[in-house]
Amino acid sequence: MSLKNIPLLSALTDRMKWLSARQAVLSQNIANADTPGFQAGDLKPQKFKELVARRAGEDVAMATTNAKHITPTGGKGEFRPKQDKTPYEITPTGNAVVLEDQMMKLADTQIQYQLTTSLYKKQIGMLKTALGRGN
C-alpha cells in the first residue's frame, strides 16, 4: 500500500508542495524588489475542500441522484500564481514590491510548512505504532 492512498497524507503532501511553490514565488518577488515595473505575485489560496476532494491525483466527481442536477465544471490544474491587485506602495519606476509585506508572507509560509511537516511526521509515527514497529 502506498502512502499516497491515505487521504490525510496525500492532503499534507499537496499542502507541502503548495507551500514550496509559494515560497518560490515570494522569493522571486523579494529578488526583484528593485526591478523597474515588477509586480509582486502570490499563489491562489489553497482551499481545504479541494484538498479533501482530491485523492491520489484523481479528481472525484460529485455524485448526482437525478439527471437534472447541475454538476460543477472546472479544470484540474496545479497552483496558479495571481497578481497582487492592490499594491499600496509603488515606486517611481513602477515597482510594486513591498519588502515588509513579502517578508511577512514568507515567515507565515515557513511557519505553515513547519506545521505541515510536523503533522506528517506525527501521522507516520502513528502508522508505525499501529503496525507494531514503534517510533
N, C-alpha and C. Protein backbone atom coordinates (compact mmCIF):
# COMPACT_ATOMS: atom_id res chain seq x y z
N MET A 1 0.84 -1.18 0.00
CA MET A 1 0.00 0.00 0.00
C MET A 1 0.88 1.24 0.00
N SER A 2 0.57 2.14 -0.87
CA SER A 2 1.32 3.38 -0.99
C SER A 2 0.78 4.41 0.01
N LEU A 3 1.66 5.27 0.49
CA LEU A 3 1.21 6.32 1.40
C LEU A 3 0.33 7.34 0.70
N LYS A 4 0.43 7.41 -0.64
CA LYS A 4 -0.41 8.34 -1.40
C LYS A 4 -1.88 7.94 -1.37
N ASN A 5 -2.16 6.68 -1.03
CA ASN A 5 -3.54 6.21 -0.97
C ASN A 5 -4.23 6.63 0.32
N ILE A 6 -3.47 7.13 1.28
CA ILE A 6 -4.06 7.59 2.54
C ILE A 6 -4.42 9.07 2.35
N PRO A 7 -5.71 9.40 2.41
CA PRO A 7 -6.14 10.77 2.08
C PRO A 7 -5.45 11.87 2.90
N LEU A 8 -5.28 11.65 4.19
CA LEU A 8 -4.66 12.69 5.02
C LEU A 8 -3.21 12.94 4.60
N LEU A 9 -2.47 11.88 4.39
CA LEU A 9 -1.07 12.04 3.96
C LEU A 9 -0.98 12.66 2.58
N SER A 10 -1.90 12.31 1.70
CA SER A 10 -1.94 12.91 0.37
C SER A 10 -2.23 14.41 0.46
N ALA A 11 -3.17 14.79 1.32
CA ALA A 11 -3.50 16.20 1.51
C ALA A 11 -2.32 16.97 2.10
N LEU A 12 -1.62 16.36 3.06
CA LEU A 12 -0.45 17.02 3.65
C LEU A 12 0.67 17.18 2.62
N THR A 13 0.84 16.18 1.76
CA THR A 13 1.85 16.27 0.70
C THR A 13 1.50 17.40 -0.27
N ASP A 14 0.22 17.50 -0.65
CA ASP A 14 -0.21 18.59 -1.53
C ASP A 14 0.02 19.94 -0.87
N ARG A 15 -0.24 20.01 0.42
CA ARG A 15 -0.03 21.27 1.15
C ARG A 15 1.45 21.66 1.16
N MET A 16 2.33 20.68 1.36
CA MET A 16 3.77 20.98 1.35
C MET A 16 4.22 21.43 -0.04
N LYS A 17 3.67 20.82 -1.09
CA LYS A 17 4.00 21.25 -2.46
C LYS A 17 3.55 22.68 -2.70
N TRP A 18 2.33 23.01 -2.23
CA TRP A 18 1.81 24.36 -2.41
C TRP A 18 2.66 25.38 -1.65
N LEU A 19 3.04 25.04 -0.42
CA LEU A 19 3.86 25.95 0.38
C LEU A 19 5.24 26.15 -0.25
N SER A 20 5.81 25.10 -0.84
CA SER A 20 7.10 25.22 -1.52
C SER A 20 6.98 26.12 -2.75
N ALA A 21 5.90 25.95 -3.50
CA ALA A 21 5.68 26.79 -4.67
C ALA A 21 5.46 28.24 -4.26
N ARG A 22 4.74 28.47 -3.17
CA ARG A 22 4.52 29.84 -2.69
C ARG A 22 5.83 30.48 -2.24
N GLN A 23 6.67 29.69 -1.58
CA GLN A 23 7.96 30.21 -1.14
C GLN A 23 8.80 30.63 -2.34
N ALA A 24 8.74 29.88 -3.43
CA ALA A 24 9.48 30.24 -4.64
C ALA A 24 8.96 31.55 -5.24
N VAL A 25 7.65 31.73 -5.27
CA VAL A 25 7.06 32.96 -5.81
C VAL A 25 7.44 34.15 -4.94
N LEU A 26 7.35 34.00 -3.62
CA LEU A 26 7.69 35.10 -2.71
C LEU A 26 9.17 35.44 -2.79
N SER A 27 10.01 34.42 -2.94
CA SER A 27 11.45 34.67 -3.09
C SER A 27 11.74 35.44 -4.36
N GLN A 28 11.01 35.11 -5.43
CA GLN A 28 11.18 35.83 -6.68
C GLN A 28 10.74 37.29 -6.51
N ASN A 29 9.66 37.51 -5.76
CA ASN A 29 9.23 38.89 -5.50
C ASN A 29 10.32 39.68 -4.78
N ILE A 30 10.91 39.06 -3.77
CA ILE A 30 11.95 39.74 -2.99
C ILE A 30 13.18 39.99 -3.85
N ALA A 31 13.54 39.02 -4.70
CA ALA A 31 14.71 39.18 -5.56
C ALA A 31 14.52 40.30 -6.58
N ASN A 32 13.28 40.56 -6.97
CA ASN A 32 13.00 41.61 -7.96
C ASN A 32 12.49 42.90 -7.32
N ALA A 33 12.84 43.12 -6.06
CA ALA A 33 12.35 44.31 -5.35
C ALA A 33 12.84 45.62 -5.98
N ASP A 34 13.94 45.59 -6.70
CA ASP A 34 14.47 46.79 -7.33
C ASP A 34 14.29 46.80 -8.84
N THR A 35 13.61 45.82 -9.39
CA THR A 35 13.40 45.75 -10.84
C THR A 35 12.30 46.71 -11.24
N PRO A 36 12.58 47.62 -12.17
CA PRO A 36 11.54 48.58 -12.60
C PRO A 36 10.34 47.88 -13.22
N GLY A 37 9.16 48.26 -12.80
CA GLY A 37 7.92 47.74 -13.36
C GLY A 37 7.50 46.36 -12.88
N PHE A 38 8.23 45.78 -11.95
CA PHE A 38 7.90 44.43 -11.48
C PHE A 38 6.69 44.48 -10.56
N GLN A 39 5.74 43.58 -10.78
CA GLN A 39 4.55 43.47 -9.94
C GLN A 39 4.66 42.21 -9.08
N ALA A 40 4.43 42.35 -7.79
CA ALA A 40 4.50 41.21 -6.87
C ALA A 40 3.37 40.23 -7.16
N GLY A 41 3.69 38.96 -7.08
CA GLY A 41 2.69 37.91 -7.29
C GLY A 41 2.56 37.03 -6.07
N ASP A 42 1.53 36.23 -6.04
CA ASP A 42 1.32 35.27 -4.96
C ASP A 42 0.47 34.15 -5.55
N LEU A 43 0.41 33.03 -4.86
CA LEU A 43 -0.40 31.92 -5.32
C LEU A 43 -1.84 32.08 -4.87
N LYS A 44 -2.73 31.48 -5.64
CA LYS A 44 -4.13 31.43 -5.25
C LYS A 44 -4.22 30.62 -3.97
N PRO A 45 -4.93 31.09 -2.95
CA PRO A 45 -5.00 30.34 -1.69
C PRO A 45 -5.57 28.94 -1.89
N GLN A 46 -5.03 28.01 -1.14
CA GLN A 46 -5.49 26.63 -1.20
C GLN A 46 -6.76 26.50 -0.38
N LYS A 47 -7.70 25.75 -0.89
CA LYS A 47 -8.95 25.53 -0.17
C LYS A 47 -8.97 24.11 0.37
N PHE A 48 -9.36 23.98 1.62
CA PHE A 48 -9.40 22.67 2.27
C PHE A 48 -10.35 21.71 1.55
N LYS A 49 -11.44 22.25 1.04
CA LYS A 49 -12.42 21.43 0.35
C LYS A 49 -11.81 20.76 -0.88
N GLU A 50 -10.95 21.50 -1.60
CA GLU A 50 -10.28 20.94 -2.77
C GLU A 50 -9.30 19.84 -2.37
N LEU A 51 -8.60 20.03 -1.25
CA LEU A 51 -7.66 19.02 -0.78
C LEU A 51 -8.37 17.72 -0.42
N VAL A 52 -9.53 17.84 0.19
CA VAL A 52 -10.27 16.66 0.60
C VAL A 52 -10.85 15.95 -0.62
N ALA A 53 -11.25 16.72 -1.63
CA ALA A 53 -11.89 16.14 -2.80
C ALA A 53 -10.90 15.36 -3.67
N ARG A 54 -9.63 15.71 -3.63
CA ARG A 54 -8.63 15.02 -4.46
C ARG A 54 -8.08 13.82 -3.72
N ARG A 55 -7.93 12.72 -4.44
CA ARG A 55 -7.37 11.52 -3.84
C ARG A 55 -6.34 10.93 -4.78
N ALA A 56 -5.09 10.94 -4.36
CA ALA A 56 -4.01 10.31 -5.10
C ALA A 56 -3.96 10.76 -6.55
N GLY A 57 -4.14 12.05 -6.79
CA GLY A 57 -4.03 12.57 -8.14
C GLY A 57 -5.26 12.39 -9.00
N GLU A 58 -6.34 11.86 -8.47
CA GLU A 58 -7.55 11.65 -9.24
C GLU A 58 -8.59 12.69 -8.83
N ASP A 59 -9.39 13.12 -9.80
CA ASP A 59 -10.49 14.00 -9.48
C ASP A 59 -11.66 13.16 -9.02
N VAL A 60 -12.34 13.63 -8.01
CA VAL A 60 -13.51 12.93 -7.50
C VAL A 60 -14.73 13.71 -7.99
N ALA A 61 -15.57 13.05 -8.75
CA ALA A 61 -16.76 13.71 -9.28
C ALA A 61 -17.85 13.75 -8.23
N MET A 62 -18.66 14.80 -8.32
CA MET A 62 -19.77 14.93 -7.40
C MET A 62 -20.86 13.93 -7.78
N ALA A 63 -21.40 13.25 -6.82
CA ALA A 63 -22.46 12.28 -7.08
C ALA A 63 -23.77 13.01 -7.30
N THR A 64 -24.52 12.56 -8.27
CA THR A 64 -25.84 13.15 -8.53
C THR A 64 -26.87 12.04 -8.41
N THR A 65 -28.01 12.38 -7.86
CA THR A 65 -29.08 11.40 -7.71
C THR A 65 -30.15 11.59 -8.78
N ASN A 66 -30.04 12.65 -9.54
CA ASN A 66 -31.01 12.94 -10.57
C ASN A 66 -30.27 13.47 -11.78
N ALA A 67 -30.70 13.10 -12.97
CA ALA A 67 -30.02 13.54 -14.20
C ALA A 67 -30.15 15.05 -14.40
N LYS A 68 -31.10 15.69 -13.75
CA LYS A 68 -31.30 17.13 -13.91
C LYS A 68 -30.42 17.97 -12.97
N HIS A 69 -29.68 17.31 -12.09
CA HIS A 69 -28.79 18.04 -11.19
C HIS A 69 -27.67 18.69 -11.99
N ILE A 70 -27.28 19.85 -11.57
CA ILE A 70 -26.19 20.56 -12.22
C ILE A 70 -24.88 20.10 -11.59
N THR A 71 -23.97 19.68 -12.42
CA THR A 71 -22.66 19.26 -11.91
C THR A 71 -21.67 20.41 -12.13
N PRO A 72 -20.77 20.62 -11.19
CA PRO A 72 -19.81 21.70 -11.34
C PRO A 72 -18.80 21.38 -12.44
N THR A 73 -18.36 22.43 -13.10
CA THR A 73 -17.32 22.26 -14.12
C THR A 73 -16.09 23.01 -13.66
N GLY A 74 -14.98 22.52 -14.05
CA GLY A 74 -13.73 23.17 -13.67
C GLY A 74 -12.58 22.28 -14.05
N GLY A 75 -11.52 22.89 -14.49
CA GLY A 75 -10.38 22.11 -14.91
C GLY A 75 -9.47 21.78 -13.76
N LYS A 76 -8.76 20.69 -13.95
CA LYS A 76 -7.78 20.29 -12.95
C LYS A 76 -6.49 21.04 -13.28
N GLY A 77 -5.88 21.62 -12.30
CA GLY A 77 -4.66 22.34 -12.57
C GLY A 77 -3.79 22.43 -11.34
N GLU A 78 -2.56 22.77 -11.58
CA GLU A 78 -1.63 22.96 -10.47
C GLU A 78 -1.83 24.36 -9.90
N PHE A 79 -0.91 24.78 -9.12
CA PHE A 79 -1.02 26.07 -8.45
C PHE A 79 -0.79 27.19 -9.45
N ARG A 80 -1.69 28.15 -9.42
CA ARG A 80 -1.58 29.27 -10.35
C ARG A 80 -1.24 30.54 -9.58
N PRO A 81 -0.19 31.25 -10.04
CA PRO A 81 0.12 32.50 -9.36
C PRO A 81 -0.92 33.56 -9.69
N LYS A 82 -1.15 34.44 -8.77
CA LYS A 82 -2.06 35.55 -9.02
C LYS A 82 -1.30 36.84 -8.76
N GLN A 83 -1.66 37.86 -9.46
CA GLN A 83 -1.03 39.17 -9.27
C GLN A 83 -1.71 39.87 -8.10
N ASP A 84 -0.90 40.54 -7.30
CA ASP A 84 -1.44 41.30 -6.18
C ASP A 84 -2.11 42.54 -6.77
N LYS A 85 -3.43 42.63 -6.66
CA LYS A 85 -4.18 43.68 -7.33
C LYS A 85 -4.07 45.05 -6.65
N THR A 86 -3.80 45.07 -5.36
CA THR A 86 -3.82 46.35 -4.66
C THR A 86 -2.50 46.63 -3.95
N PRO A 87 -1.44 46.94 -4.70
CA PRO A 87 -0.21 47.32 -4.01
C PRO A 87 -0.41 48.70 -3.40
N TYR A 88 -0.02 48.86 -2.16
CA TYR A 88 -0.22 50.14 -1.51
C TYR A 88 1.01 51.02 -1.59
N GLU A 89 2.04 50.57 -2.27
CA GLU A 89 3.24 51.37 -2.41
C GLU A 89 3.87 51.04 -3.76
N ILE A 90 3.97 52.05 -4.62
CA ILE A 90 4.58 51.86 -5.93
C ILE A 90 5.69 52.90 -6.06
N THR A 91 6.87 52.43 -6.45
CA THR A 91 8.00 53.34 -6.61
C THR A 91 7.84 54.13 -7.91
N PRO A 92 8.59 55.21 -8.07
CA PRO A 92 8.52 55.97 -9.33
C PRO A 92 8.88 55.13 -10.57
N THR A 93 9.63 54.05 -10.39
CA THR A 93 9.97 53.18 -11.52
C THR A 93 8.87 52.19 -11.84
N GLY A 94 7.80 52.15 -11.05
CA GLY A 94 6.68 51.25 -11.29
C GLY A 94 6.76 49.93 -10.55
N ASN A 95 7.74 49.79 -9.68
CA ASN A 95 7.89 48.55 -8.92
C ASN A 95 6.90 48.55 -7.77
N ALA A 96 6.15 47.44 -7.63
CA ALA A 96 5.11 47.36 -6.61
C ALA A 96 5.42 46.34 -5.53
N VAL A 97 6.69 46.02 -5.32
CA VAL A 97 7.06 45.04 -4.29
C VAL A 97 7.30 45.77 -2.97
N VAL A 98 6.57 45.38 -1.95
CA VAL A 98 6.76 45.93 -0.61
C VAL A 98 7.50 44.85 0.19
N LEU A 99 8.76 45.11 0.50
CA LEU A 99 9.59 44.09 1.15
C LEU A 99 9.02 43.62 2.48
N GLU A 100 8.48 44.54 3.27
CA GLU A 100 7.94 44.15 4.57
C GLU A 100 6.78 43.17 4.41
N ASP A 101 5.92 43.44 3.44
CA ASP A 101 4.78 42.57 3.17
C ASP A 101 5.26 41.20 2.70
N GLN A 102 6.23 41.18 1.82
CA GLN A 102 6.76 39.92 1.30
C GLN A 102 7.45 39.10 2.40
N MET A 103 8.17 39.77 3.28
CA MET A 103 8.84 39.07 4.38
C MET A 103 7.83 38.49 5.36
N MET A 104 6.72 39.20 5.60
CA MET A 104 5.67 38.67 6.47
C MET A 104 5.04 37.42 5.85
N LYS A 105 4.78 37.47 4.55
CA LYS A 105 4.20 36.31 3.86
C LYS A 105 5.18 35.14 3.87
N LEU A 106 6.46 35.43 3.70
CA LEU A 106 7.48 34.39 3.70
C LEU A 106 7.58 33.72 5.08
N ALA A 107 7.53 34.52 6.14
CA ALA A 107 7.58 33.98 7.50
C ALA A 107 6.34 33.12 7.78
N ASP A 108 5.17 33.57 7.33
CA ASP A 108 3.95 32.80 7.51
C ASP A 108 4.03 31.47 6.75
N THR A 109 4.58 31.51 5.55
CA THR A 109 4.74 30.29 4.77
C THR A 109 5.68 29.31 5.46
N GLN A 110 6.74 29.82 6.05
CA GLN A 110 7.69 28.96 6.77
C GLN A 110 7.02 28.30 7.98
N ILE A 111 6.24 29.06 8.72
CA ILE A 111 5.53 28.52 9.88
C ILE A 111 4.54 27.45 9.45
N GLN A 112 3.79 27.71 8.38
CA GLN A 112 2.83 26.74 7.89
C GLN A 112 3.51 25.47 7.40
N TYR A 113 4.68 25.60 6.77
CA TYR A 113 5.41 24.43 6.30
C TYR A 113 5.90 23.58 7.48
N GLN A 114 6.41 24.24 8.52
CA GLN A 114 6.86 23.51 9.71
C GLN A 114 5.69 22.78 10.37
N LEU A 115 4.53 23.42 10.43
CA LEU A 115 3.34 22.79 11.00
C LEU A 115 2.94 21.57 10.17
N THR A 116 2.95 21.71 8.86
CA THR A 116 2.54 20.62 7.98
C THR A 116 3.51 19.44 8.08
N THR A 117 4.81 19.72 8.10
CA THR A 117 5.77 18.62 8.22
C THR A 117 5.66 17.94 9.58
N SER A 118 5.36 18.71 10.61
CA SER A 118 5.17 18.13 11.94
C SER A 118 3.96 17.20 11.94
N LEU A 119 2.86 17.62 11.33
CA LEU A 119 1.68 16.77 11.24
C LEU A 119 1.97 15.51 10.43
N TYR A 120 2.73 15.64 9.37
CA TYR A 120 3.09 14.49 8.54
C TYR A 120 3.90 13.48 9.35
N LYS A 121 4.90 13.99 10.10
CA LYS A 121 5.73 13.11 10.92
C LYS A 121 4.89 12.40 11.99
N LYS A 122 3.95 13.12 12.59
CA LYS A 122 3.08 12.51 13.60
C LYS A 122 2.23 11.41 12.99
N GLN A 123 1.71 11.63 11.79
CA GLN A 123 0.89 10.61 11.14
C GLN A 123 1.71 9.37 10.81
N ILE A 124 2.94 9.56 10.34
CA ILE A 124 3.81 8.43 10.05
C ILE A 124 4.13 7.67 11.34
N GLY A 125 4.37 8.40 12.43
CA GLY A 125 4.63 7.77 13.72
C GLY A 125 3.44 6.95 14.20
N MET A 126 2.22 7.47 13.99
CA MET A 126 1.04 6.72 14.39
C MET A 126 0.87 5.46 13.53
N LEU A 127 1.19 5.55 12.25
CA LEU A 127 1.12 4.37 11.39
C LEU A 127 2.13 3.31 11.83
N LYS A 128 3.34 3.75 12.18
CA LYS A 128 4.37 2.82 12.65
C LYS A 128 3.92 2.14 13.95
N THR A 129 3.33 2.93 14.84
CA THR A 129 2.84 2.37 16.09
C THR A 129 1.74 1.35 15.84
N ALA A 130 0.83 1.68 14.93
CA ALA A 130 -0.26 0.77 14.62
C ALA A 130 0.23 -0.54 14.01
N LEU A 131 1.35 -0.44 13.27
CA LEU A 131 1.94 -1.64 12.66
C LEU A 131 2.82 -2.42 13.62
N GLY A 132 3.04 -1.85 14.81
CA GLY A 132 3.84 -2.53 15.82
C GLY A 132 5.33 -2.33 15.66
N ARG A 133 5.71 -1.30 14.91
CA ARG A 133 7.15 -1.05 14.69
C ARG A 133 7.68 0.06 15.60
N GLY A 134 6.84 0.71 16.32
CA GLY A 134 7.26 1.78 17.23
C GLY A 134 7.78 2.99 16.48
N ASN A 135 8.28 3.97 17.21
CA ASN A 135 8.80 5.19 16.58
C ASN A 135 10.24 5.02 16.37
